[in-house]
């Protein structure tokens, strides 16, 4: 008797509040027989457990996606170091040391900046729109840096029309104060590279990805859990077990733990490989149903033993 009182598992059975988060994860995956003890903590504890698992998995995916994003940034900056022409920016005027226009359109550039960029301060606004509008069809828009302004041309622009739809004009005099402190100073290619390196928002990537994946994974599994819980409640209501919706919901939440982990692992694998499973959602649902079947089978045997 003394030994039993000291056994942590016996203490947890007698006092379910002793089951901490990590043990809940372990029991949810490997010990469906302990679901009954975890249900004793109530439905709100189950929902908090689901949100905590969701947050942890979202953080893990965010870390991997941020690593990929950072590599994209590094590739883009390395590309700029090689391709960006020698130039000067002073008194809101851009000039090149050569007389050749530079077109930045490789994938490693577009993946980061989202558009093709042309640097050609030797021509005027109207000539730029005529000469470079066709590039907008390749990446939805093209940004052209001229001597005193830059223009954004998107794929809605029609050079044969008198309309200016699809054209945005930004004067350096209006925009430069956001990025530089002294217009009289001379800024070069090296300043651009240094600025991009210093302004790479790693924490922004992480927080941004976390919000996206928390919402994405959450929406998928909230829908799955709600659907399975409702169907489970209806099935048991027609049987002698009569779980009730709260019990069905808690069982489904704990039974979804392994599915959530597998779903996130699949997302991470897809980031680094071409491996794809078109029916991953179906697999996750089937895993939850396996846990539910185990619980139903266990309870059915328990009721049978009581009746006999």
Foldseek 3Di string as FASTA:
>chain_A
DVVLVVDPVSVCQVPVVSQDLVNLLVCLPPNLVCLVSVCVVDLVVLVVSLLVLLLVLLLVLLVLVLVVVVVLLVLQLVVCVPQPAKWKAALLFIDGPDQDKGKADDPSNCVNPQAIEIEHQPDDDLVCCVPCLVRQVVRQWYWYHHTFWIKIAGVVDDNVDPDPPRIDIGGSVVVVVVPDDHRRDMDISVNVSVSSVVPPPSVCSSVVSSVVSSVVLVVLVVVLLVVQLVVVQVVVCVDPNNCDSSSSSSLLSSQLSVLSVVVSVQVSVVVPDVDDDPVSSVVSSVSSVVSVVVVVVVVVVVVVVVVD
